[in-house]
Amino acid sequence: MTKGTEPPREEDWSVGAIGLAAGEVWQLLKQKGRMSLRTVERGVPGPRPRVLMALGWLAREGKIALEHRGHELEFWLTEA
């Protein structure tokens, strides 16, 4: 199955799992800098919805910024 099509396991949706994914997203952005949504999704393991929740978590905390450029969303850290 391709990423995001397998049925989610219960532990994939816990606050802890989303928090860990948020940490992985943060580390990826710290290492690579500004990235498109598609690139972030490819760089963080796990189901697509969990990666999106992790991005929302970081955005709500003010740790990332985002911009719509053409047909893509781009993300970057607001603090290192």
Foldseek 3Di string as FASTA:
>chain_A
DDAQPDDDDPVCPDPVNLCVLLVQLQVVQVVPPKDWLVVSQVRGDDHSVSNVSSVVVCVVVVQKDWDDDDPTIIIHGPDD
